[in-house]
Amino acid sequence: MRAAVLSEIDGLVELREVADPIPQDGEALVRVRAAGINFLDILIRRGRYPQMPELPAVLGVELAGELEDGTRVMAIVPAGTYAELVAVPRAALVPLPDEATFAEGAGFLLTFLTAWVPLTRQVRFEVEWTVLVHAAAGGVGTAAIQVARALDARVVAAVGSPEKLAVCRELGAEAAYVYDEIPEDLRVDVVVDPVGGELFEAAVGRLRPLGQLVAIGYAGGLWPELQPAQLVGRNVGVQGVYIGRLLRHAPDVIAAATRELLELWKGRRIRPYVGAEVPLSEVEQAHELVESRRSVGKVVLLP
């Protein structure tokens, strides 16, 4: 089969012929029809991910495809979805809704779980709260806008460039700003932050009393040091979410959240926003699109 392989940090992701996977007990062979690109793939490529795989490695943790009998499925796996075939634990398989495309399936689970779990399990969420979403035109951001709207929140979107504002409004954001144009007096109840760095630090000051900052990632730089006094004095909190760890240590939480999200999808209240579908042979261009932050929504590979 063909697979996109990373051999060394900062190296090329090269398309190669590799051995087909052999399913073990409890696994099913999935023919990959679409593989989601996530920023964690970029972090692995740059040697910045906390749990680095042994190289060479086939990247990718998210897929949609078909079982040998034609059943349409999607899944999150530890690695290896930039390939034509993947052996997937049967317990990890999730049915792909009939009306969904494979590209949408590859862009659904990780992004929507990353938004849904903290906003329903970690944050004391109230109806009509205001939620500020950083990187709102990205994969997690477009999911977070829709999730917050499904929870009856008012959404304010923040993005890195003006051409991304319209997408945020189309998805339900009541207001949308480029980062350096966010009003100084904006105060919100929840911030969803996949960016880190300076935006994370500024977000603490935008929280109303009892507000919560949801830390998801550090695409824009590592998180600054945060002293408890900065939280205690403002009566605010910080929640962290890492779906990979929950998959290993709280699979019941992930299973329940997945069922809830599927119901919302079937009810047309949420839907993955796929911004680009790129052939597996052009994985380098797809990574550049994500790493440069020029992409909108989810970028998926089509083997």
C-alpha atoms as a PDB file:
ATOM      1  CA  MET A   1       0.000   0.000   0.000  1.00  0.00           C
ATOM      2  CA  ARG A   2       1.003   3.651  -0.293  1.00  0.00           C
ATOM      3  CA  ALA A   3       1.674   5.702   2.845  1.00  0.00           C
ATOM      4  CA  ALA A   4       3.159   9.107   3.664  1.00  0.00           C
ATOM      5  CA  VAL A   5       6.207   8.543   5.876  1.00  0.00           C
ATOM      6  CA  LEU A   6       8.180  10.991   8.031  1.00  0.00           C
ATOM      7  CA  SER A   7      11.760   9.745   8.452  1.00  0.00           C
ATOM      8  CA  GLU A   8      13.322  12.555  10.471  1.00  0.00           C
ATOM      9  CA  ILE A   9      12.432  15.751  12.284  1.00  0.00           C
ATOM     10  CA  ASP A  10      12.001  18.632   9.829  1.00  0.00           C
ATOM     11  CA  GLY A  11      12.302  16.154   6.975  1.00  0.00           C
ATOM     12  CA  LEU A  12       9.999  15.610   4.028  1.00  0.00           C
ATOM     13  CA  VAL A  13       6.834  13.555   4.380  1.00  0.00           C
ATOM     14  CA  GLU A  14       7.409  11.134   1.502  1.00  0.00           C
ATOM     15  CA  LEU A  15       4.969   8.864  -0.291  1.00  0.00           C
ATOM     16  CA  ARG A  16       6.273   5.269  -0.208  1.00  0.00           C
ATOM     17  CA  GLU A  17       5.187   1.701  -0.755  1.00  0.00           C
ATOM     18  CA  VAL A  18       5.005  -0.058   2.618  1.00  0.00           C
ATOM     19  CA  ALA A  19       3.695  -3.395   3.841  1.00  0.00           C
ATOM     20  CA  ASP A  20      -0.064  -3.713   4.289  1.00  0.00           C
ATOM     21  CA  PRO A  21      -1.126  -3.798   7.954  1.00  0.00           C
ATOM     22  CA  ILE A  22      -2.230  -7.146   9.349  1.00  0.00           C
ATOM     23  CA  PRO A  23      -5.177  -6.799  11.759  1.00  0.00           C
ATOM     24  CA  GLN A  24      -4.676  -8.391  15.167  1.00  0.00           C
ATOM     25  CA  ASP A  25      -7.374  -9.799  17.429  1.00  0.00           C
ATOM     26  CA  GLY A  26     -10.000  -7.134  18.047  1.00  0.00           C
ATOM     27  CA  GLU A  27      -8.957  -5.077  15.020  1.00  0.00           C
ATOM     28  CA  ALA A  28     -10.554  -4.416  11.651  1.00  0.00           C
ATOM     29  CA  LEU A  29      -8.904  -3.427   8.396  1.00  0.00           C
ATOM     30  CA  VAL A  30     -10.136  -0.050   7.153  1.00  0.00           C
ATOM     31  CA  ARG A  31      -9.604   1.214   3.620  1.00  0.00           C
ATOM     32  CA  VAL A  32      -8.918   4.900   4.158  1.00  0.00           C
ATOM     33  CA  ARG A  33     -11.016   7.223   2.027  1.00  0.00           C
ATOM     34  CA  ALA A  34      -9.966  10.424   3.817  1.00  0.00           C
ATOM     35  CA  ALA A  35      -7.442  11.295   6.537  1.00  0.00           C
ATOM     36  CA  GLY A  36      -7.672  14.414   8.646  1.00  0.00           C
ATOM     37  CA  ILE A  37      -4.661  16.680   9.105  1.00  0.00           C
ATOM     38  CA  ASN A  38      -4.334  18.062  12.618  1.00  0.00           C
ATOM     39  CA  PHE A  39      -1.834  20.553  13.990  1.00  0.00           C
ATOM     40  CA  LEU A  40      -0.377  17.793  16.154  1.00  0.00           C
ATOM     41  CA  ASP A  41       0.932  16.271  12.893  1.00  0.00           C
ATOM     42  CA  ILE A  42       2.833  19.498  12.268  1.00  0.00           C
ATOM     43  CA  LEU A  43       4.184  19.509  15.819  1.00  0.00           C
ATOM     44  CA  ILE A  44       5.437  15.933  15.390  1.00  0.00           C
ATOM     45  CA  ARG A  45       7.105  16.886  12.134  1.00  0.00           C
ATOM     46  CA  ARG A  46       8.890  19.760  13.872  1.00  0.00           C
ATOM     47  CA  GLY A  47       9.861  17.671  16.909  1.00  0.00           C
ATOM     48  CA  ARG A  48       7.701  19.735  19.260  1.00  0.00           C
ATOM     49  CA  TYR A  49       5.036  17.208  20.247  1.00  0.00           C
ATOM     50  CA  PRO A  50       5.241  15.938  23.865  1.00  0.00           C
ATOM     51  CA  GLN A  51       4.723  12.279  22.868  1.00  0.00           C
ATOM     52  CA  MET A  52       6.991  11.940  19.839  1.00  0.00           C
ATOM     53  CA  PRO A  53       6.681   8.678  17.882  1.00  0.00           C
ATOM     54  CA  GLU A  54       9.686   6.642  16.895  1.00  0.00           C
ATOM     55  CA  LEU A  55      10.763   7.640  13.386  1.00  0.00           C
ATOM     56  CA  PRO A  56      10.297   6.706  10.603  1.00  0.00           C
ATOM     57  CA  ALA A  57       6.541   6.874  11.130  1.00  0.00           C
ATOM     58  CA  VAL A  58       3.328   7.181   9.149  1.00  0.00           C
ATOM     59  CA  LEU A  59       1.615  10.311  10.426  1.00  0.00           C
ATOM     60  CA  GLY A  60      -2.089  10.936  10.975  1.00  0.00           C
ATOM     61  CA  VAL A  61      -4.539  10.066  13.759  1.00  0.00           C
ATOM     62  CA  GLU A  62      -7.924  10.605  12.126  1.00  0.00           C
ATOM     63  CA  LEU A  63      -9.642   8.772   9.286  1.00  0.00           C
ATOM     64  CA  ALA A  64     -12.864   7.926   7.518  1.00  0.00           C
ATOM     65  CA  GLY A  65     -13.168   4.879   5.318  1.00  0.00           C
ATOM     66  CA  GLU A  66     -14.747   1.511   4.657  1.00  0.00           C
ATOM     67  CA  LEU A  67     -14.539  -1.930   6.216  1.00  0.00           C
ATOM     68  CA  GLU A  68     -14.113  -4.948   3.976  1.00  0.00           C
ATOM     69  CA  ASP A  69     -17.902  -5.378   3.837  1.00  0.00           C
ATOM     70  CA  GLY A  70     -18.419  -1.755   2.742  1.00  0.00           C
ATOM     71  CA  THR A  71     -19.515  -0.394   6.138  1.00  0.00           C
ATOM     72  CA  ARG A  72     -18.648   3.310   6.371  1.00  0.00           C
ATOM     73  CA  VAL A  73     -16.739   4.265   9.520  1.00  0.00           C
ATOM     74  CA  MET A  74     -14.554   6.921  11.088  1.00  0.00           C
ATOM     75  CA  ALA A  75     -11.999   6.649  13.874  1.00  0.00           C
ATOM     76  CA  ILE A  76      -9.228   8.232  15.902  1.00  0.00           C
ATOM     77  CA  VAL A  77      -6.118   6.037  16.141  1.00  0.00           C
ATOM     78  CA  PRO A  78      -2.643   6.563  17.658  1.00  0.00           C
ATOM     79  CA  ALA A  79      -0.948   6.932  14.247  1.00  0.00           C
ATOM     80  CA  GLY A  80      -0.860   5.822  10.660  1.00  0.00           C
ATOM     81  CA  THR A  81      -3.852   7.321   8.827  1.00  0.00           C
ATOM     82  CA  TYR A  82      -1.815   8.939   6.024  1.00  0.00           C
ATOM     83  CA  ALA A  83      -2.095   5.601   4.234  1.00  0.00           C
ATOM     84  CA  GLU A  84      -4.401   3.514   2.085  1.00  0.00           C
ATOM     85  CA  LEU A  85      -5.090   0.903   4.783  1.00  0.00           C
ATOM     86  CA  VAL A  86      -5.128   1.026   8.604  1.00  0.00           C
ATOM     87  CA  ALA A  87      -5.756  -1.699  11.185  1.00  0.00           C
ATOM     88  CA  VAL A  88      -8.155  -0.110  13.695  1.00  0.00           C
ATOM     89  CA  PRO A  89      -9.376  -1.484  17.055  1.00  0.00           C
ATOM     90  CA  ARG A  90     -13.040  -2.329  16.596  1.00  0.00           C
ATOM     91  CA  ALA A  91     -13.845  -0.451  19.795  1.00  0.00           C
ATOM     92  CA  ALA A  92     -12.561   2.749  18.148  1.00  0.00           C
ATOM     93  CA  LEU A  93     -14.824   2.504  15.084  1.00  0.00           C
ATOM     94  CA  VAL A  94     -17.651   5.029  14.847  1.00  0.00           C
ATOM     95  CA  PRO A  95     -20.402   4.796  12.192  1.00  0.00           C
ATOM     96  CA  LEU A  96     -20.199   7.498   9.549  1.00  0.00           C
ATOM     97  CA  PRO A  97     -23.639   9.110   9.071  1.00  0.00           C
ATOM     98  CA  ASP A  98     -25.295   8.191   5.780  1.00  0.00           C
ATOM     99  CA  GLU A  99     -25.461  11.782   4.542  1.00  0.00           C
ATOM    100  CA  ALA A 100     -21.832  12.561   5.396  1.00  0.00           C
ATOM    101  CA  THR A 101     -18.908  12.559   2.984  1.00  0.00           C
ATOM    102  CA  PHE A 102     -15.701  10.724   3.824  1.00  0.00           C
ATOM    103  CA  ALA A 103     -13.905  14.081   3.987  1.00  0.00           C
ATOM    104  CA  GLU A 104     -16.394  15.292   6.599  1.00  0.00           C
ATOM    105  CA  GLY A 105     -15.926  12.082   8.568  1.00  0.00           C
ATOM    106  CA  ALA A 106     -12.163  12.587   8.628  1.00  0.00           C
ATOM    107  CA  GLY A 107     -12.696  16.088   9.987  1.00  0.00           C
ATOM    108  CA  PHE A 108     -15.270  15.313  12.651  1.00  0.00           C
ATOM    109  CA  LEU A 109     -14.185  13.336  15.692  1.00  0.00           C
ATOM    110  CA  LEU A 110     -11.049  15.026  16.989  1.00  0.00           C
ATOM    111  CA  THR A 111     -12.106  18.605  16.297  1.00  0.00           C
ATOM    112  CA  PHE A 112     -15.629  18.325  17.677  1.00  0.00           C
ATOM    113  CA  LEU A 113     -14.615  16.255  20.718  1.00  0.00           C
ATOM    114  CA  THR A 114     -11.955  18.873  21.485  1.00  0.00           C
ATOM    115  CA  ALA A 115     -14.665  21.542  21.595  1.00  0.00           C
ATOM    116  CA  TRP A 116     -17.542  19.504  23.062  1.00  0.00           C
ATOM    117  CA  VAL A 117     -15.805  17.800  26.003  1.00  0.00           C
ATOM    118  CA  PRO A 118     -14.579  20.960  27.774  1.00  0.00           C
ATOM    119  CA  LEU A 119     -17.746  22.950  27.071  1.00  0.00           C
ATOM    120  CA  THR A 120     -19.996  20.198  28.443  1.00  0.00           C
ATOM    121  CA  ARG A 121     -17.818  18.454  31.058  1.00  0.00           C
ATOM    122  CA  GLN A 122     -15.234  20.932  32.328  1.00  0.00           C
ATOM    123  CA  VAL A 123     -16.779  24.383  32.098  1.00  0.00           C
ATOM    124  CA  ARG A 124     -19.798  25.371  34.203  1.00  0.00           C
ATOM    125  CA  PHE A 125     -21.628  26.463  31.100  1.00  0.00           C
ATOM    126  CA  GLU A 126     -24.612  28.801  31.250  1.00  0.00           C
ATOM    127  CA  VAL A 127     -27.131  29.588  28.499  1.00  0.00           C
ATOM    128  CA  GLU A 128     -26.496  32.923  26.756  1.00  0.00           C
ATOM    129  CA  TRP A 129     -22.896  33.119  27.926  1.00  0.00           C
ATOM    130  CA  THR A 130     -20.403  34.752  25.574  1.00  0.00           C
ATOM    131  CA  VAL A 131     -17.674  32.492  24.187  1.00  0.00           C
ATOM    132  CA  LEU A 132     -14.562  33.866  22.500  1.00  0.00           C
ATOM    133  CA  VAL A 133     -12.982  31.407  20.052  1.00  0.00           C
ATOM    134  CA  HIS A 134      -9.360  31.902  18.981  1.00  0.00           C
ATOM    135  CA  ALA A 135      -8.239  30.520  15.590  1.00  0.00           C
ATOM    136  CA  ALA A 136     -11.946  30.423  14.861  1.00  0.00           C
ATOM    137  CA  ALA A 137     -11.557  29.587  11.161  1.00  0.00           C
ATOM    138  CA  GLY A 138      -9.415  26.498  11.827  1.00  0.00           C
ATOM    139  CA  GLY A 139     -10.531  22.922  12.354  1.00  0.00           C
ATOM    140  CA  VAL A 140     -11.122  23.164  16.097  1.00  0.00           C
ATOM    141  CA  GLY A 141     -12.294  26.753  15.795  1.00  0.00           C
ATOM    142  CA  THR A 142     -15.038  26.054  13.260  1.00  0.00           C
ATOM    143  CA  ALA A 143     -16.184  23.173  15.479  1.00  0.00           C
ATOM    144  CA  ALA A 144     -16.111  25.342  18.626  1.00  0.00           C
ATOM    145  CA  ILE A 145     -18.280  28.027  17.009  1.00  0.00           C
ATOM    146  CA  GLN A 146     -20.931  25.453  16.155  1.00  0.00           C
ATOM    147  CA  VAL A 147     -20.749  23.693  19.524  1.00  0.00           C
ATOM    148  CA  ALA A 148     -21.097  26.952  21.435  1.00  0.00           C
ATOM    149  CA  ARG A 149     -24.083  27.948  19.310  1.00  0.00           C
ATOM    150  CA  ALA A 150     -25.670  24.531  19.926  1.00  0.00           C
ATOM    151  CA  LEU A 151     -25.304  25.308  23.646  1.00  0.00           C
ATOM    152  CA  ASP A 152     -27.122  28.622  23.115  1.00  0.00           C
ATOM    153  CA  ALA A 153     -24.077  30.778  23.639  1.00  0.00           C
ATOM    154  CA  ARG A 154     -23.197  34.055  21.941  1.00  0.00           C
ATOM    155  CA  VAL A 155     -19.982  33.545  19.967  1.00  0.00           C
ATOM    156  CA  VAL A 156     -17.202  36.030  19.261  1.00  0.00           C
ATOM    157  CA  ALA A 157     -14.632  34.774  16.760  1.00  0.00           C
ATOM    158  CA  ALA A 158     -10.997  35.857  16.500  1.00  0.00           C
ATOM    159  CA  VAL A 159      -8.785  35.057  13.518  1.00  0.00           C
ATOM    160  CA  GLY A 160      -5.419  35.951  12.052  1.00  0.00           C
ATOM    161  CA  SER A 161      -6.507  37.532   8.762  1.00  0.00           C
ATOM    162  CA  PRO A 162      -9.539  39.435   7.395  1.00  0.00           C
ATOM    163  CA  GLU A 163     -10.389  36.883   4.696  1.00  0.00           C
ATOM    164  CA  LYS A 164     -11.356  34.372   7.412  1.00  0.00           C
ATOM    165  CA  LEU A 165     -13.988  36.581   9.063  1.00  0.00           C
ATOM    166  CA  ALA A 166     -16.850  35.711   6.715  1.00  0.00           C
ATOM    167  CA  VAL A 167     -16.606  31.965   7.388  1.00  0.00           C
ATOM    168  CA  CYS A 168     -16.879  32.567  11.134  1.00  0.00           C
ATOM    169  CA  ARG A 169     -20.019  34.636  10.692  1.00  0.00           C
ATOM    170  CA  GLU A 170     -21.521  32.033   8.346  1.00  0.00           C
ATOM    171  CA  LEU A 171     -21.023  29.365  11.027  1.00  0.00           C
ATOM    172  CA  GLY A 172     -22.841  31.413  13.649  1.00  0.00           C
ATOM    173  CA  ALA A 173     -20.420  33.895  15.220  1.00  0.00           C
ATOM    174  CA  GLU A 174     -22.262  37.058  16.215  1.00  0.00           C
ATOM    175  CA  ALA A 175     -19.068  39.088  15.952  1.00  0.00           C
ATOM    176  CA  ALA A 176     -15.691  38.382  14.353  1.00  0.00           C
ATOM    177  CA  TYR A 177     -12.378  40.230  14.627  1.00  0.00           C
ATOM    178  CA  VAL A 178      -8.799  40.018  13.484  1.00  0.00           C
ATOM    179  CA  TYR A 179      -6.674  39.549  16.625  1.00  0.00           C
ATOM    180  CA  ASP A 180      -5.250  43.063  16.820  1.00  0.00           C
ATOM    181  CA  GLU A 181      -8.726  44.562  16.355  1.00  0.00           C
ATOM    182  CA  ILE A 182     -10.422  42.796  19.276  1.00  0.00           C
ATOM    183  CA  PRO A 183     -12.028  45.591  21.365  1.00  0.00           C
ATOM    184  CA  GLU A 184     -10.084  46.378  24.513  1.00  0.00           C
ATOM    185  CA  ASP A 185     -13.271  46.337  26.570  1.00  0.00           C
ATOM    186  CA  LEU A 186     -14.468  42.915  25.333  1.00  0.00           C
ATOM    187  CA  ARG A 187     -15.317  40.686  28.290  1.00  0.00           C
ATOM    188  CA  VAL A 188     -16.425  37.075  27.892  1.00  0.00           C
ATOM    189  CA  ASP A 189     -17.385  34.083  30.007  1.00  0.00           C
ATOM    190  CA  VAL A 190     -15.380  31.422  28.174  1.00  0.00           C
ATOM    191  CA  VAL A 191     -12.343  31.501  25.881  1.00  0.00           C
ATOM    192  CA  VAL A 192     -11.544  28.521  23.666  1.00  0.00           C
ATOM    193  CA  ASP A 193      -7.842  28.788  22.832  1.00  0.00           C
ATOM    194  CA  PRO A 194      -5.961  26.455  20.462  1.00  0.00           C
ATOM    195  CA  VAL A 195      -3.210  29.058  19.956  1.00  0.00           C
ATOM    196  CA  GLY A 196      -1.340  29.646  23.234  1.00  0.00           C
ATOM    197  CA  GLY A 197       1.429  32.214  23.462  1.00  0.00           C
ATOM    198  CA  GLU A 198       0.474  35.876  23.792  1.00  0.00           C
ATOM    199  CA  LEU A 199      -3.181  35.228  22.973  1.00  0.00           C
ATOM    200  CA  PHE A 200      -3.490  32.881  25.943  1.00  0.00           C
ATOM    201  CA  GLU A 201      -2.033  35.494  28.289  1.00  0.00           C
ATOM    202  CA  ALA A 202      -4.322  38.234  26.979  1.00  0.00           C
ATOM    203  CA  ALA A 203      -7.370  35.969  27.277  1.00  0.00           C
ATOM    204  CA  VAL A 204      -7.062  35.734  31.056  1.00  0.00           C
ATOM    205  CA  GLY A 205      -7.685  39.473  31.271  1.00  0.00           C
ATOM    206  CA  ARG A 206     -10.797  39.213  29.098  1.00  0.00           C
ATOM    207  CA  LEU A 207     -12.625  36.799  31.403  1.00  0.00           C
ATOM    208  CA  ARG A 208     -15.547  37.955  33.473  1.00  0.00           C
ATOM    209  CA  PRO A 209     -15.709  36.793  37.112  1.00  0.00           C
ATOM    210  CA  LEU A 210     -16.210  32.988  37.235  1.00  0.00           C
ATOM    211  CA  GLY A 211     -15.097  32.758  33.600  1.00  0.00           C
ATOM    212  CA  GLN A 212     -13.044  29.866  32.219  1.00  0.00           C
ATOM    213  CA  LEU A 213     -10.189  29.706  29.740  1.00  0.00           C
ATOM    214  CA  VAL A 214     -10.022  26.404  27.827  1.00  0.00           C
ATOM    215  CA  ALA A 215      -6.426  25.657  26.807  1.00  0.00           C
ATOM    216  CA  ILE A 216      -6.282  23.290  23.835  1.00  0.00           C
ATOM    217  CA  GLY A 217      -2.978  23.786  22.052  1.00  0.00           C
ATOM    218  CA  TYR A 218       0.011  25.994  21.376  1.00  0.00           C
ATOM    219  CA  ALA A 219       0.026  26.491  17.616  1.00  0.00           C
ATOM    220  CA  GLY A 220       1.153  30.082  18.216  1.00  0.00           C
ATOM    221  CA  GLY A 221       3.790  29.343  20.861  1.00  0.00           C
ATOM    222  CA  LEU A 222       4.080  27.657  24.243  1.00  0.00           C
ATOM    223  CA  TRP A 223       1.881  28.844  27.069  1.00  0.00           C
ATOM    224  CA  PRO A 224       3.382  31.576  29.268  1.00  0.00           C
ATOM    225  CA  GLU A 225       3.925  30.882  32.944  1.00  0.00           C
ATOM    226  CA  LEU A 226       0.715  31.494  34.859  1.00  0.00           C
ATOM    227  CA  GLN A 227       0.712  32.223  38.579  1.00  0.00           C
ATOM    228  CA  PRO A 228      -2.264  31.185  40.753  1.00  0.00           C
ATOM    229  CA  ALA A 229      -2.557  34.794  41.909  1.00  0.00           C
ATOM    230  CA  GLN A 230      -3.590  35.775  38.370  1.00  0.00           C
ATOM    231  CA  LEU A 231      -6.563  33.420  38.655  1.00  0.00           C
ATOM    232  CA  VAL A 232      -7.450  33.858  42.308  1.00  0.00           C
ATOM    233  CA  GLY A 233      -7.487  37.624  42.063  1.00  0.00           C
ATOM    234  CA  ARG A 234      -9.862  37.583  39.109  1.00  0.00           C
ATOM    235  CA  ASN A 235     -12.079  34.677  40.222  1.00  0.00           C
ATOM    236  CA  VAL A 236     -11.388  32.814  36.977  1.00  0.00           C
ATOM    237  CA  GLY A 237     -10.073  29.397  36.016  1.00  0.00           C
ATOM    238  CA  VAL A 238      -8.152  27.516  33.345  1.00  0.00           C
ATOM    239  CA  GLN A 239      -9.216  24.145  31.958  1.00  0.00           C
ATOM    240  CA  GLY A 240      -6.992  21.954  29.821  1.00  0.00           C
ATOM    241  CA  VAL A 241      -8.210  19.390  27.310  1.00  0.00           C
ATOM    242  CA  TYR A 242      -6.172  16.621  25.670  1.00  0.00           C
ATOM    243  CA  ILE A 243      -8.394  14.150  23.864  1.00  0.00           C
ATOM    244  CA  GLY A 244      -5.577  11.647  23.360  1.00  0.00           C
ATOM    245  CA  ARG A 245      -5.239  11.087  27.097  1.00  0.00           C
ATOM    246  CA  LEU A 246      -9.001  10.833  27.566  1.00  0.00           C
ATOM    247  CA  LEU A 247      -9.125   8.168  24.861  1.00  0.00           C
ATOM    248  CA  ARG A 248      -6.693   6.084  26.913  1.00  0.00           C
ATOM    249  CA  HIS A 249      -7.851   6.808  30.451  1.00  0.00           C
ATOM    250  CA  ALA A 250     -11.531   7.817  30.171  1.00  0.00           C
ATOM    251  CA  PRO A 251     -12.915   6.024  27.097  1.00  0.00           C
ATOM    252  CA  ASP A 252     -16.419   6.117  28.580  1.00  0.00           C
ATOM    253  CA  VAL A 253     -16.317   9.920  28.491  1.00  0.00           C
ATOM    254  CA  ILE A 254     -15.264   9.878  24.840  1.00  0.00           C
ATOM    255  CA  ALA A 255     -17.919   7.306  23.931  1.00  0.00           C
ATOM    256  CA  ALA A 256     -20.715   9.320  25.556  1.00  0.00           C
ATOM    257  CA  ALA A 257     -19.511  12.588  24.013  1.00  0.00           C
ATOM    258  CA  THR A 258     -19.296  10.951  20.585  1.00  0.00           C
ATOM    259  CA  ARG A 259     -22.899   9.738  20.833  1.00  0.00           C
ATOM    260  CA  GLU A 260     -24.054  13.244  21.769  1.00  0.00           C
ATOM    261  CA  LEU A 261     -22.162  14.807  18.863  1.00  0.00           C
ATOM    262  CA  LEU A 262     -23.574  12.297  16.384  1.00  0.00           C
ATOM    263  CA  GLU A 263     -27.082  13.244  17.494  1.00  0.00           C
ATOM    264  CA  LEU A 264     -26.305  16.915  16.924  1.00  0.00           C
ATOM    265  CA  TRP A 265     -24.877  16.122  13.492  1.00  0.00           C
ATOM    266  CA  LYS A 266     -27.890  14.027  12.521  1.00  0.00           C
ATOM    267  CA  GLY A 267     -30.090  16.874  13.738  1.00  0.00           C
ATOM    268  CA  ARG A 268     -28.181  19.277  11.440  1.00  0.00           C
ATOM    269  CA  ARG A 269     -27.089  21.464  14.340  1.00  0.00           C
ATOM    270  CA  ILE A 270     -23.397  20.886  13.637  1.00  0.00           C
ATOM    271  CA  ARG A 271     -21.402  19.786  10.584  1.00  0.00           C
ATOM    272  CA  PRO A 272     -17.674  19.501   9.878  1.00  0.00           C
ATOM    273  CA  TYR A 273     -16.337  22.361   7.789  1.00  0.00           C
ATOM    274  CA  VAL A 274     -13.850  20.964   5.265  1.00  0.00           C
ATOM    275  CA  GLY A 275     -11.785  23.707   3.717  1.00  0.00           C
ATOM    276  CA  ALA A 276      -9.516  21.660   1.444  1.00  0.00           C
ATOM    277  CA  GLU A 277      -9.322  18.118   0.081  1.00  0.00           C
ATOM    278  CA  VAL A 278      -5.781  17.278  -1.030  1.00  0.00           C
ATOM    279  CA  PRO A 279      -4.456  14.089  -2.698  1.00  0.00           C
ATOM    280  CA  LEU A 280      -2.134  12.013  -0.516  1.00  0.00           C
ATOM    281  CA  SER A 281       0.568  12.557  -3.129  1.00  0.00           C
ATOM    282  CA  GLU A 282       0.483  16.272  -2.262  1.00  0.00           C
ATOM    283  CA  VAL A 283       0.862  15.877   1.497  1.00  0.00           C
ATOM    284  CA  GLU A 284       3.724  18.402   1.523  1.00  0.00           C
ATOM    285  CA  GLN A 285       1.471  21.110   0.111  1.00  0.00           C
ATOM    286  CA  ALA A 286      -1.282  20.161   2.563  1.00  0.00           C
ATOM    287  CA  HIS A 287       1.078  20.497   5.528  1.00  0.00           C
ATOM    288  CA  GLU A 288       2.287  23.857   4.280  1.00  0.00           C
ATOM    289  CA  LEU A 289      -1.306  25.026   4.041  1.00  0.00           C
ATOM    290  CA  VAL A 290      -1.947  24.090   7.685  1.00  0.00           C
ATOM    291  CA  GLU A 291       1.399  25.208   9.101  1.00  0.00           C
ATOM    292  CA  SER A 292       1.189  28.621   7.414  1.00  0.00           C
ATOM    293  CA  ARG A 293      -2.328  29.029   8.858  1.00  0.00           C
ATOM    294  CA  ARG A 294      -3.680  29.849   5.413  1.00  0.00           C
ATOM    295  CA  SER A 295      -6.193  27.030   5.630  1.00  0.00           C
ATOM    296  CA  VAL A 296      -9.823  27.497   6.585  1.00  0.00           C
ATOM    297  CA  GLY A 297     -11.651  24.672   8.313  1.00  0.00           C
ATOM    298  CA  LYS A 298     -10.279  21.151   8.170  1.00  0.00           C
ATOM    299  CA  VAL A 299      -7.720  20.007   5.630  1.00  0.00           C
ATOM    300  CA  VAL A 300      -8.046  16.340   4.638  1.00  0.00           C
ATOM    301  CA  LEU A 301      -5.952  13.971   2.554  1.00  0.00           C
ATOM    302  CA  LEU A 302      -7.555  11.689  -0.014  1.00  0.00           C
ATOM    303  CA  PRO A 303      -5.481   8.491  -0.487  1.00  0.00           C
END
